[in-house]
Amino acid sequence: IIALSWLSPWLWYRAFRALAISRPLCLFGWVILTWLPSWLAIYSYFMTETLFLPLLGGAIWLSLRAKRKQTTGAFALAVLLWTLTALVRGIAAPMAAAALFWVWWNQQSDRWFNGLIGILIAGFLLGPIAYRNYQQVGLWSPFGNAWLNRIYAVSGHKAIEMELVKEGAHWI
């Protein structure tokens, strides 16, 4: 996990550099992110945010890189990282759609081929998860079921108690 605490600022540094921000300012941002006490503290726990922060920085960097390079490989790599980012935290899915559409729309050549490659990569990663979720819950969604979170928030209770029943077996 300590590797993530060092990898995250570097990926964000790369994203800042891809935005054409001056190198000294990017290095200053890297230093702040690297030595920020709360930044180091978050990586003492393993939670979705510890994966989301480096993936988001990397996805932004690779999107800007794909926009600059305009190659199929660069676009495919951006799609891959955005898909992984969205799988870690579903809130990244709209950001991924906007960023990848922007990159795809501004490509000069191979636009349709790159779009097909992007759909195949995302489908290859999201499809099995969505199918598994459909088998277990009856809901086609690669990002899980947010209804439980809504029920929990509306109820005001401090604990979730569930009883699951499948094929005669009971779990509490």
N, C-alpha and C. Protein backbone atom coordinates (compact mmCIF):
# COMPACT_ATOMS: atom_id res chain seq x y z
N ILE A 1 0.84 -1.20 0.00
CA ILE A 1 0.00 0.00 0.00
C ILE A 1 0.87 1.25 0.00
N ILE A 2 2.07 1.16 0.56
CA ILE A 2 2.95 2.32 0.56
C ILE A 2 3.31 2.71 -0.87
N ALA A 3 3.37 1.71 -1.76
CA ALA A 3 3.66 2.02 -3.16
C ALA A 3 2.56 2.90 -3.76
N LEU A 4 1.31 2.67 -3.36
CA LEU A 4 0.22 3.51 -3.85
C LEU A 4 0.35 4.95 -3.37
N SER A 5 0.85 5.13 -2.14
CA SER A 5 0.99 6.49 -1.62
C SER A 5 2.07 7.26 -2.36
N TRP A 6 3.00 6.57 -2.97
CA TRP A 6 4.02 7.24 -3.78
C TRP A 6 3.63 7.29 -5.26
N LEU A 7 2.90 6.28 -5.71
CA LEU A 7 2.47 6.24 -7.11
C LEU A 7 1.42 7.30 -7.42
N SER A 8 0.51 7.53 -6.48
CA SER A 8 -0.57 8.49 -6.72
C SER A 8 -0.07 9.89 -7.04
N PRO A 9 0.82 10.48 -6.23
CA PRO A 9 1.30 11.82 -6.60
C PRO A 9 2.02 11.85 -7.94
N TRP A 10 2.75 10.78 -8.27
CA TRP A 10 3.45 10.75 -9.55
C TRP A 10 2.45 10.75 -10.70
N LEU A 11 1.37 9.95 -10.58
CA LEU A 11 0.36 9.93 -11.64
C LEU A 11 -0.34 11.28 -11.76
N TRP A 12 -0.59 11.92 -10.63
CA TRP A 12 -1.19 13.25 -10.69
C TRP A 12 -0.21 14.26 -11.27
N TYR A 13 1.08 14.10 -10.97
CA TYR A 13 2.10 14.95 -11.59
C TYR A 13 2.06 14.79 -13.12
N ARG A 14 1.95 13.54 -13.58
CA ARG A 14 1.87 13.31 -15.03
C ARG A 14 0.62 13.96 -15.62
N ALA A 15 -0.50 13.90 -14.90
CA ALA A 15 -1.73 14.54 -15.37
C ALA A 15 -1.55 16.06 -15.44
N PHE A 16 -0.91 16.63 -14.44
CA PHE A 16 -0.65 18.09 -14.46
C PHE A 16 0.25 18.46 -15.63
N ARG A 17 1.28 17.63 -15.87
CA ARG A 17 2.20 17.91 -16.99
C ARG A 17 1.47 17.80 -18.32
N ALA A 18 0.56 16.85 -18.43
CA ALA A 18 -0.20 16.69 -19.67
C ALA A 18 -1.12 17.88 -19.92
N LEU A 19 -1.49 18.57 -18.86
CA LEU A 19 -2.29 19.79 -19.00
C LEU A 19 -1.44 20.99 -19.40
N ALA A 20 -0.15 20.75 -19.59
CA ALA A 20 0.82 21.78 -20.00
C ALA A 20 1.02 22.84 -18.93
N ILE A 21 0.90 22.41 -17.68
CA ILE A 21 1.23 23.31 -16.58
C ILE A 21 2.75 23.30 -16.47
N SER A 22 3.34 24.42 -16.06
CA SER A 22 4.79 24.52 -16.02
C SER A 22 5.40 23.45 -15.10
N ARG A 23 6.58 23.00 -15.47
CA ARG A 23 7.25 21.95 -14.72
C ARG A 23 7.48 22.32 -13.25
N PRO A 24 7.95 23.54 -12.93
CA PRO A 24 8.13 23.87 -11.51
C PRO A 24 6.81 23.82 -10.72
N LEU A 25 5.73 24.27 -11.33
CA LEU A 25 4.44 24.23 -10.65
C LEU A 25 3.98 22.79 -10.46
N CYS A 26 4.22 21.95 -11.46
CA CYS A 26 3.87 20.53 -11.34
C CYS A 26 4.69 19.85 -10.24
N LEU A 27 5.96 20.16 -10.17
CA LEU A 27 6.81 19.60 -9.12
C LEU A 27 6.35 20.07 -7.74
N PHE A 28 5.94 21.32 -7.65
CA PHE A 28 5.41 21.85 -6.40
C PHE A 28 4.15 21.07 -6.00
N GLY A 29 3.27 20.82 -6.96
CA GLY A 29 2.07 20.02 -6.69
C GLY A 29 2.41 18.61 -6.27
N TRP A 30 3.42 18.03 -6.90
CA TRP A 30 3.86 16.69 -6.53
C TRP A 30 4.37 16.65 -5.10
N VAL A 31 5.18 17.66 -4.73
CA VAL A 31 5.71 17.73 -3.37
C VAL A 31 4.58 17.86 -2.36
N ILE A 32 3.61 18.71 -2.65
CA ILE A 32 2.49 18.89 -1.73
C ILE A 32 1.72 17.58 -1.57
N LEU A 33 1.40 16.93 -2.68
CA LEU A 33 0.65 15.67 -2.59
C LEU A 33 1.45 14.58 -1.90
N THR A 34 2.75 14.54 -2.14
CA THR A 34 3.58 13.49 -1.57
C THR A 34 3.71 13.63 -0.06
N TRP A 35 3.85 14.84 0.43
CA TRP A 35 4.12 15.05 1.86
C TRP A 35 2.93 15.55 2.65
N LEU A 36 1.77 15.61 2.04
CA LEU A 36 0.57 16.02 2.76
C LEU A 36 0.22 14.94 3.79
N PRO A 37 0.13 15.29 5.07
CA PRO A 37 -0.12 14.26 6.09
C PRO A 37 -1.39 13.44 5.82
N SER A 38 -2.45 14.10 5.40
CA SER A 38 -3.69 13.34 5.15
C SER A 38 -3.52 12.40 3.96
N TRP A 39 -2.68 12.78 3.00
CA TRP A 39 -2.43 11.91 1.85
C TRP A 39 -1.73 10.64 2.30
N LEU A 40 -0.77 10.79 3.19
CA LEU A 40 -0.06 9.62 3.70
C LEU A 40 -0.96 8.79 4.61
N ALA A 41 -1.82 9.44 5.37
CA ALA A 41 -2.68 8.72 6.31
C ALA A 41 -3.72 7.86 5.60
N ILE A 42 -4.23 8.33 4.47
CA ILE A 42 -5.26 7.57 3.78
C ILE A 42 -4.73 6.21 3.32
N TYR A 43 -3.44 6.13 3.06
CA TYR A 43 -2.88 4.87 2.59
C TYR A 43 -2.48 3.93 3.72
N SER A 44 -2.79 4.29 4.95
CA SER A 44 -2.60 3.35 6.05
C SER A 44 -3.79 2.41 6.16
N TYR A 45 -4.84 2.67 5.37
CA TYR A 45 -6.03 1.83 5.32
C TYR A 45 -6.23 1.35 3.89
N PHE A 46 -6.80 0.18 3.75
CA PHE A 46 -7.12 -0.30 2.41
C PHE A 46 -8.62 -0.12 2.20
N MET A 47 -8.96 0.79 1.32
CA MET A 47 -10.35 1.05 0.99
C MET A 47 -10.41 1.47 -0.47
N THR A 48 -11.60 1.67 -0.99
CA THR A 48 -11.70 1.97 -2.41
C THR A 48 -10.98 3.26 -2.78
N GLU A 49 -10.95 4.21 -1.88
CA GLU A 49 -10.28 5.48 -2.18
C GLU A 49 -8.79 5.29 -2.42
N THR A 50 -8.18 4.32 -1.75
CA THR A 50 -6.75 4.10 -1.95
C THR A 50 -6.44 3.58 -3.34
N LEU A 51 -7.42 2.95 -3.97
CA LEU A 51 -7.26 2.54 -5.36
C LEU A 51 -7.76 3.61 -6.32
N PHE A 52 -8.81 4.32 -5.92
CA PHE A 52 -9.44 5.31 -6.79
C PHE A 52 -8.52 6.49 -7.09
N LEU A 53 -7.82 7.00 -6.10
CA LEU A 53 -6.99 8.19 -6.30
C LEU A 53 -5.88 8.00 -7.35
N PRO A 54 -5.10 6.92 -7.27
CA PRO A 54 -4.10 6.75 -8.34
C PRO A 54 -4.73 6.43 -9.69
N LEU A 55 -5.80 5.64 -9.69
CA LEU A 55 -6.44 5.31 -10.96
C LEU A 55 -7.02 6.55 -11.63
N LEU A 56 -7.64 7.45 -10.85
CA LEU A 56 -8.20 8.66 -11.43
C LEU A 56 -7.10 9.55 -12.01
N GLY A 57 -6.01 9.73 -11.26
CA GLY A 57 -4.90 10.52 -11.79
C GLY A 57 -4.32 9.91 -13.06
N GLY A 58 -4.17 8.59 -13.05
CA GLY A 58 -3.65 7.91 -14.24
C GLY A 58 -4.61 7.97 -15.42
N ALA A 59 -5.90 7.87 -15.14
CA ALA A 59 -6.89 7.92 -16.22
C ALA A 59 -6.92 9.31 -16.87
N ILE A 60 -6.84 10.35 -16.04
CA ILE A 60 -6.80 11.71 -16.59
C ILE A 60 -5.54 11.89 -17.43
N TRP A 61 -4.41 11.45 -16.90
CA TRP A 61 -3.15 11.56 -17.64
C TRP A 61 -3.23 10.82 -18.97
N LEU A 62 -3.72 9.57 -18.95
CA LEU A 62 -3.77 8.80 -20.19
C LEU A 62 -4.79 9.36 -21.18
N SER A 63 -5.84 9.98 -20.68
CA SER A 63 -6.81 10.63 -21.59
C SER A 63 -6.15 11.80 -22.32
N LEU A 64 -5.44 12.62 -21.57
CA LEU A 64 -4.75 13.75 -22.19
C LEU A 64 -3.65 13.28 -23.13
N ARG A 65 -2.99 12.19 -22.75
CA ARG A 65 -1.95 11.60 -23.61
C ARG A 65 -2.57 11.06 -24.90
N ALA A 66 -3.72 10.38 -24.79
CA ALA A 66 -4.40 9.85 -25.97
C ALA A 66 -4.86 10.98 -26.89
N LYS A 67 -5.29 12.08 -26.31
CA LYS A 67 -5.70 13.25 -27.11
C LYS A 67 -4.51 13.79 -27.89
N ARG A 68 -3.35 13.84 -27.23
CA ARG A 68 -2.14 14.37 -27.88
C ARG A 68 -1.59 13.41 -28.93
N LYS A 69 -1.49 12.11 -28.59
CA LYS A 69 -0.87 11.14 -29.51
C LYS A 69 -1.80 10.72 -30.64
N GLN A 70 -3.08 10.59 -30.36
CA GLN A 70 -4.09 10.17 -31.33
C GLN A 70 -3.76 8.84 -31.99
N THR A 71 -3.38 7.87 -31.15
CA THR A 71 -3.14 6.52 -31.63
C THR A 71 -4.14 5.57 -31.00
N THR A 72 -4.34 4.44 -31.63
CA THR A 72 -5.27 3.45 -31.11
C THR A 72 -4.78 2.89 -29.77
N GLY A 73 -3.50 2.65 -29.66
CA GLY A 73 -2.94 2.12 -28.42
C GLY A 73 -3.12 3.06 -27.25
N ALA A 74 -2.88 4.34 -27.48
CA ALA A 74 -3.04 5.33 -26.41
C ALA A 74 -4.51 5.43 -25.99
N PHE A 75 -5.41 5.38 -26.97
CA PHE A 75 -6.84 5.45 -26.65
C PHE A 75 -7.28 4.19 -25.90
N ALA A 76 -6.81 3.03 -26.33
CA ALA A 76 -7.16 1.77 -25.67
C ALA A 76 -6.68 1.75 -24.22
N LEU A 77 -5.49 2.27 -23.98
CA LEU A 77 -4.95 2.34 -22.62
C LEU A 77 -5.79 3.27 -21.75
N ALA A 78 -6.23 4.39 -22.31
CA ALA A 78 -7.09 5.32 -21.57
C ALA A 78 -8.43 4.65 -21.24
N VAL A 79 -8.99 3.94 -22.20
CA VAL A 79 -10.26 3.23 -21.96
C VAL A 79 -10.08 2.18 -20.86
N LEU A 80 -8.99 1.45 -20.91
CA LEU A 80 -8.72 0.42 -19.91
C LEU A 80 -8.65 1.04 -18.51
N LEU A 81 -7.88 2.11 -18.37
CA LEU A 81 -7.73 2.70 -17.04
C LEU A 81 -9.02 3.36 -16.56
N TRP A 82 -9.76 4.01 -17.45
CA TRP A 82 -11.04 4.59 -17.05
C TRP A 82 -12.02 3.51 -16.63
N THR A 83 -12.01 2.37 -17.32
CA THR A 83 -12.92 1.29 -16.96
C THR A 83 -12.57 0.74 -15.58
N LEU A 84 -11.29 0.54 -15.32
CA LEU A 84 -10.87 0.08 -14.00
C LEU A 84 -11.23 1.10 -12.92
N THR A 85 -11.06 2.38 -13.24
CA THR A 85 -11.40 3.43 -12.29
C THR A 85 -12.89 3.41 -11.98
N ALA A 86 -13.71 3.24 -13.00
CA ALA A 86 -15.16 3.19 -12.80
C ALA A 86 -15.58 1.94 -12.03
N LEU A 87 -14.85 0.85 -12.19
CA LEU A 87 -15.17 -0.35 -11.43
C LEU A 87 -14.83 -0.19 -9.96
N VAL A 88 -13.79 0.58 -9.66
CA VAL A 88 -13.43 0.82 -8.27
C VAL A 88 -14.46 1.73 -7.61
N ARG A 89 -14.83 2.80 -8.28
CA ARG A 89 -15.84 3.74 -7.77
C ARG A 89 -16.74 4.11 -8.93
N GLY A 90 -17.99 3.76 -8.83
CA GLY A 90 -18.95 4.00 -9.90
C GLY A 90 -19.12 5.46 -10.27
N ILE A 91 -18.75 6.37 -9.35
CA ILE A 91 -18.88 7.80 -9.65
C ILE A 91 -17.95 8.23 -10.77
N ALA A 92 -16.98 7.40 -11.12
CA ALA A 92 -16.06 7.74 -12.20
C ALA A 92 -16.65 7.44 -13.57
N ALA A 93 -17.74 6.68 -13.63
CA ALA A 93 -18.32 6.31 -14.92
C ALA A 93 -18.73 7.53 -15.75
N PRO A 94 -19.44 8.52 -15.18
CA PRO A 94 -19.77 9.71 -16.00
C PRO A 94 -18.52 10.50 -16.42
N MET A 95 -17.54 10.58 -15.53
CA MET A 95 -16.29 11.26 -15.89
C MET A 95 -15.60 10.52 -17.01
N ALA A 96 -15.60 9.20 -16.94
CA ALA A 96 -14.97 8.38 -17.98
C ALA A 96 -15.67 8.59 -19.31
N ALA A 97 -16.99 8.58 -19.29
CA ALA A 97 -17.75 8.77 -20.53
C ALA A 97 -17.44 10.12 -21.16
N ALA A 98 -17.41 11.16 -20.35
CA ALA A 98 -17.14 12.51 -20.87
C ALA A 98 -15.71 12.61 -21.40
N ALA A 99 -14.74 12.14 -20.63
CA ALA A 99 -13.34 12.24 -21.05
C ALA A 99 -13.07 11.42 -22.31
N LEU A 100 -13.56 10.20 -22.33
CA LEU A 100 -13.29 9.34 -23.49
C LEU A 100 -14.03 9.81 -24.73
N PHE A 101 -15.24 10.32 -24.55
CA PHE A 101 -15.95 10.87 -25.71
C PHE A 101 -15.20 12.07 -26.25
N TRP A 102 -14.68 12.93 -25.39
CA TRP A 102 -13.92 14.11 -25.81
C TRP A 102 -12.68 13.68 -26.59
N VAL A 103 -11.97 12.69 -26.08
CA VAL A 103 -10.77 12.20 -26.78
C VAL A 103 -11.17 11.58 -28.11
N TRP A 104 -12.19 10.73 -28.10
CA TRP A 104 -12.63 10.04 -29.31
C TRP A 104 -13.10 11.04 -30.36
N TRP A 105 -13.88 12.01 -29.97
CA TRP A 105 -14.45 12.99 -30.90
C TRP A 105 -13.37 13.83 -31.58
N ASN A 106 -12.29 14.11 -30.87
CA ASN A 106 -11.22 14.96 -31.40
C ASN A 106 -10.13 14.19 -32.14
N GLN A 107 -10.33 12.90 -32.36
CA GLN A 107 -9.34 12.13 -33.10
C GLN A 107 -9.47 12.41 -34.59
N GLN A 108 -8.35 12.49 -35.25
CA GLN A 108 -8.32 12.80 -36.67
C GLN A 108 -8.51 11.58 -37.55
N SER A 109 -7.96 10.45 -37.13
CA SER A 109 -8.05 9.25 -37.96
C SER A 109 -8.45 8.05 -37.10
N ASP A 110 -8.97 7.05 -37.75
CA ASP A 110 -9.35 5.80 -37.08
C ASP A 110 -10.38 6.00 -35.97
N ARG A 111 -11.23 7.01 -36.10
CA ARG A 111 -12.19 7.31 -35.05
C ARG A 111 -13.12 6.12 -34.78
N TRP A 112 -13.67 5.54 -35.85
CA TRP A 112 -14.62 4.45 -35.66
C TRP A 112 -13.95 3.18 -35.18
N PHE A 113 -12.75 2.92 -35.67
CA PHE A 113 -12.01 1.75 -35.20
C PHE A 113 -11.68 1.90 -33.72
N ASN A 114 -11.23 3.08 -33.32
CA ASN A 114 -10.91 3.32 -31.91
C ASN A 114 -12.15 3.20 -31.04
N GLY A 115 -13.28 3.69 -31.55
CA GLY A 115 -14.53 3.55 -30.80
C GLY A 115 -14.88 2.09 -30.60
N LEU A 116 -14.70 1.28 -31.64
CA LEU A 116 -14.97 -0.15 -31.54
C LEU A 116 -14.03 -0.81 -30.53
N ILE A 117 -12.77 -0.46 -30.59
CA ILE A 117 -11.79 -1.01 -29.64
C ILE A 117 -12.18 -0.62 -28.21
N GLY A 118 -12.56 0.63 -28.01
CA GLY A 118 -12.98 1.09 -26.68
C GLY A 118 -14.18 0.33 -26.17
N ILE A 119 -15.18 0.11 -27.03
CA ILE A 119 -16.38 -0.63 -26.63
C ILE A 119 -16.01 -2.08 -26.30
N LEU A 120 -15.13 -2.68 -27.07
CA LEU A 120 -14.72 -4.06 -26.81
C LEU A 120 -13.97 -4.18 -25.47
N ILE A 121 -13.08 -3.25 -25.21
CA ILE A 121 -12.33 -3.29 -23.93
C ILE A 121 -13.29 -3.14 -22.76
N ALA A 122 -14.14 -2.11 -22.82
CA ALA A 122 -15.09 -1.89 -21.73
C ALA A 122 -16.05 -3.07 -21.59
N GLY A 123 -16.53 -3.59 -22.72
CA GLY A 123 -17.44 -4.72 -22.68
C GLY A 123 -16.80 -5.98 -22.12
N PHE A 124 -15.52 -6.19 -22.46
CA PHE A 124 -14.80 -7.35 -21.97
C PHE A 124 -14.64 -7.29 -20.45
N LEU A 125 -14.45 -6.09 -19.89
CA LEU A 125 -14.29 -5.95 -18.45
C LEU A 125 -15.62 -5.85 -17.71
N LEU A 126 -16.58 -5.13 -18.29
CA LEU A 126 -17.84 -4.91 -17.60
C LEU A 126 -18.85 -6.03 -17.81
N GLY A 127 -18.80 -6.69 -18.96
CA GLY A 127 -19.78 -7.71 -19.30
C GLY A 127 -19.87 -8.86 -18.31
N PRO A 128 -18.76 -9.53 -17.99
CA PRO A 128 -18.85 -10.64 -17.05
C PRO A 128 -19.35 -10.22 -15.66
N ILE A 129 -18.97 -9.04 -15.23
CA ILE A 129 -19.43 -8.57 -13.92
C ILE A 129 -20.92 -8.31 -13.95
N ALA A 130 -21.40 -7.68 -15.03
CA ALA A 130 -22.83 -7.41 -15.17
C ALA A 130 -23.61 -8.71 -15.24
N TYR A 131 -23.10 -9.70 -15.96
CA TYR A 131 -23.78 -10.99 -16.08
C TYR A 131 -23.83 -11.70 -14.73
N ARG A 132 -22.74 -11.67 -14.01
CA ARG A 132 -22.70 -12.30 -12.67
C ARG A 132 -23.70 -11.61 -11.75
N ASN A 133 -23.76 -10.31 -11.81
CA ASN A 133 -24.72 -9.58 -10.98
C ASN A 133 -26.15 -9.95 -11.38
N TYR A 134 -26.38 -10.13 -12.66
CA TYR A 134 -27.72 -10.54 -13.12
C TYR A 134 -28.07 -11.94 -12.62
N GLN A 135 -27.10 -12.84 -12.65
CA GLN A 135 -27.34 -14.19 -12.15
C GLN A 135 -27.69 -14.20 -10.67
N GLN A 136 -26.99 -13.38 -9.90
CA GLN A 136 -27.16 -13.41 -8.45
C GLN A 136 -28.33 -12.56 -7.95
N VAL A 137 -28.54 -11.40 -8.57
CA VAL A 137 -29.51 -10.43 -8.04
C VAL A 137 -30.65 -10.16 -9.02
N GLY A 138 -30.45 -10.50 -10.30
CA GLY A 138 -31.46 -10.20 -11.30
C GLY A 138 -31.38 -8.79 -11.83
N LEU A 139 -30.21 -8.17 -11.71
CA LEU A 139 -30.01 -6.78 -12.12
C LEU A 139 -28.78 -6.71 -13.02
N TRP A 140 -28.94 -6.19 -14.24
CA TRP A 140 -27.80 -6.03 -15.15
C TRP A 140 -27.04 -4.77 -14.75
N SER A 141 -26.00 -4.91 -13.97
CA SER A 141 -25.21 -3.76 -13.57
C SER A 141 -23.81 -4.21 -13.17
N PRO A 142 -22.77 -3.67 -13.84
CA PRO A 142 -21.42 -4.04 -13.44
C PRO A 142 -20.96 -3.29 -12.18
N PHE A 143 -21.73 -2.29 -11.76
CA PHE A 143 -21.32 -1.46 -10.62
C PHE A 143 -22.04 -1.83 -9.33
N GLY A 144 -22.73 -2.93 -9.31
CA GLY A 144 -23.41 -3.36 -8.09
C GLY A 144 -24.80 -2.75 -7.97
N ASN A 145 -25.35 -2.85 -6.79
CA ASN A 145 -26.70 -2.40 -6.53
C ASN A 145 -26.65 -1.25 -5.53
N ALA A 146 -26.97 -0.06 -5.98
CA ALA A 146 -26.93 1.11 -5.11
C ALA A 146 -28.18 1.23 -4.25
N TRP A 147 -29.19 0.40 -4.49
CA TRP A 147 -30.42 0.49 -3.71
C TRP A 147 -30.17 0.23 -2.23
N LEU A 148 -29.25 -0.68 -1.92
CA LEU A 148 -28.97 -0.96 -0.52
C LEU A 148 -28.45 0.29 0.18
N ASN A 149 -27.58 1.04 -0.48
CA ASN A 149 -27.07 2.28 0.12
C ASN A 149 -28.20 3.28 0.35
N ARG A 150 -29.11 3.38 -0.59
CA ARG A 150 -30.23 4.32 -0.44
C ARG A 150 -31.15 3.90 0.70
N ILE A 151 -31.47 2.62 0.78
CA ILE A 151 -32.31 2.12 1.87
C ILE A 151 -31.64 2.40 3.21
N TYR A 152 -30.34 2.14 3.29
CA TYR A 152 -29.58 2.38 4.51
C TYR A 152 -29.61 3.86 4.89
N ALA A 153 -29.41 4.74 3.92
CA ALA A 153 -29.39 6.18 4.21
C ALA A 153 -30.75 6.69 4.65
N VAL A 154 -31.80 6.23 4.02
CA VAL A 154 -33.15 6.70 4.35
C VAL A 154 -33.61 6.15 5.70
N SER A 155 -33.19 4.95 6.05
CA SER A 155 -33.68 4.33 7.28
C SER A 155 -33.18 5.04 8.54
N GLY A 156 -31.98 5.60 8.51
CA GLY A 156 -31.44 6.26 9.68
C GLY A 156 -30.81 5.31 10.69
N HIS A 157 -30.81 4.01 10.41
CA HIS A 157 -30.21 3.04 11.32
C HIS A 157 -28.69 3.07 11.20
N LYS A 158 -28.04 2.56 12.22
CA LYS A 158 -26.58 2.54 12.23
C LYS A 158 -26.02 1.17 11.85
N ALA A 159 -26.90 0.22 11.55
CA ALA A 159 -26.45 -1.12 11.16
C ALA A 159 -27.37 -1.66 10.08
N ILE A 160 -26.83 -2.55 9.28
CA ILE A 160 -27.61 -3.21 8.24
C ILE A 160 -27.75 -4.68 8.63
N GLU A 161 -28.97 -5.14 8.68
CA GLU A 161 -29.22 -6.56 8.94
C GLU A 161 -30.00 -7.09 7.75
N MET A 162 -29.51 -8.18 7.19
CA MET A 162 -30.14 -8.75 6.00
C MET A 162 -30.33 -10.24 6.20
N GLU A 163 -31.36 -10.76 5.58
CA GLU A 163 -31.56 -12.19 5.53
C GLU A 163 -31.63 -12.57 4.06
N LEU A 164 -30.68 -13.37 3.62
CA LEU A 164 -30.62 -13.80 2.24
C LEU A 164 -31.06 -15.25 2.15
N VAL A 165 -31.90 -15.51 1.17
CA VAL A 165 -32.41 -16.87 0.97
C VAL A 165 -32.20 -17.24 -0.49
N LYS A 166 -31.59 -18.40 -0.72
CA LYS A 166 -31.43 -18.90 -2.08
C LYS A 166 -31.45 -20.42 -2.05
N GLU A 167 -32.35 -20.97 -2.84
CA GLU A 167 -32.48 -22.42 -2.97
C GLU A 167 -32.57 -23.12 -1.62
N GLY A 168 -33.35 -22.54 -0.72
CA GLY A 168 -33.57 -23.15 0.59
C GLY A 168 -32.53 -22.82 1.64
N ALA A 169 -31.43 -22.23 1.27
CA ALA A 169 -30.38 -21.87 2.24
C ALA A 169 -30.65 -20.45 2.75
N HIS A 170 -30.39 -20.25 4.04
CA HIS A 170 -30.61 -18.93 4.68
C HIS A 170 -29.30 -18.40 5.22
N TRP A 171 -29.07 -17.12 4.98
CA TRP A 171 -27.92 -16.41 5.54
C TRP A 171 -28.42 -15.18 6.26
N ILE A 172 -27.90 -14.92 7.42
CA ILE A 172 -28.30 -13.71 8.17
C ILE A 172 -27.08 -12.87 8.41
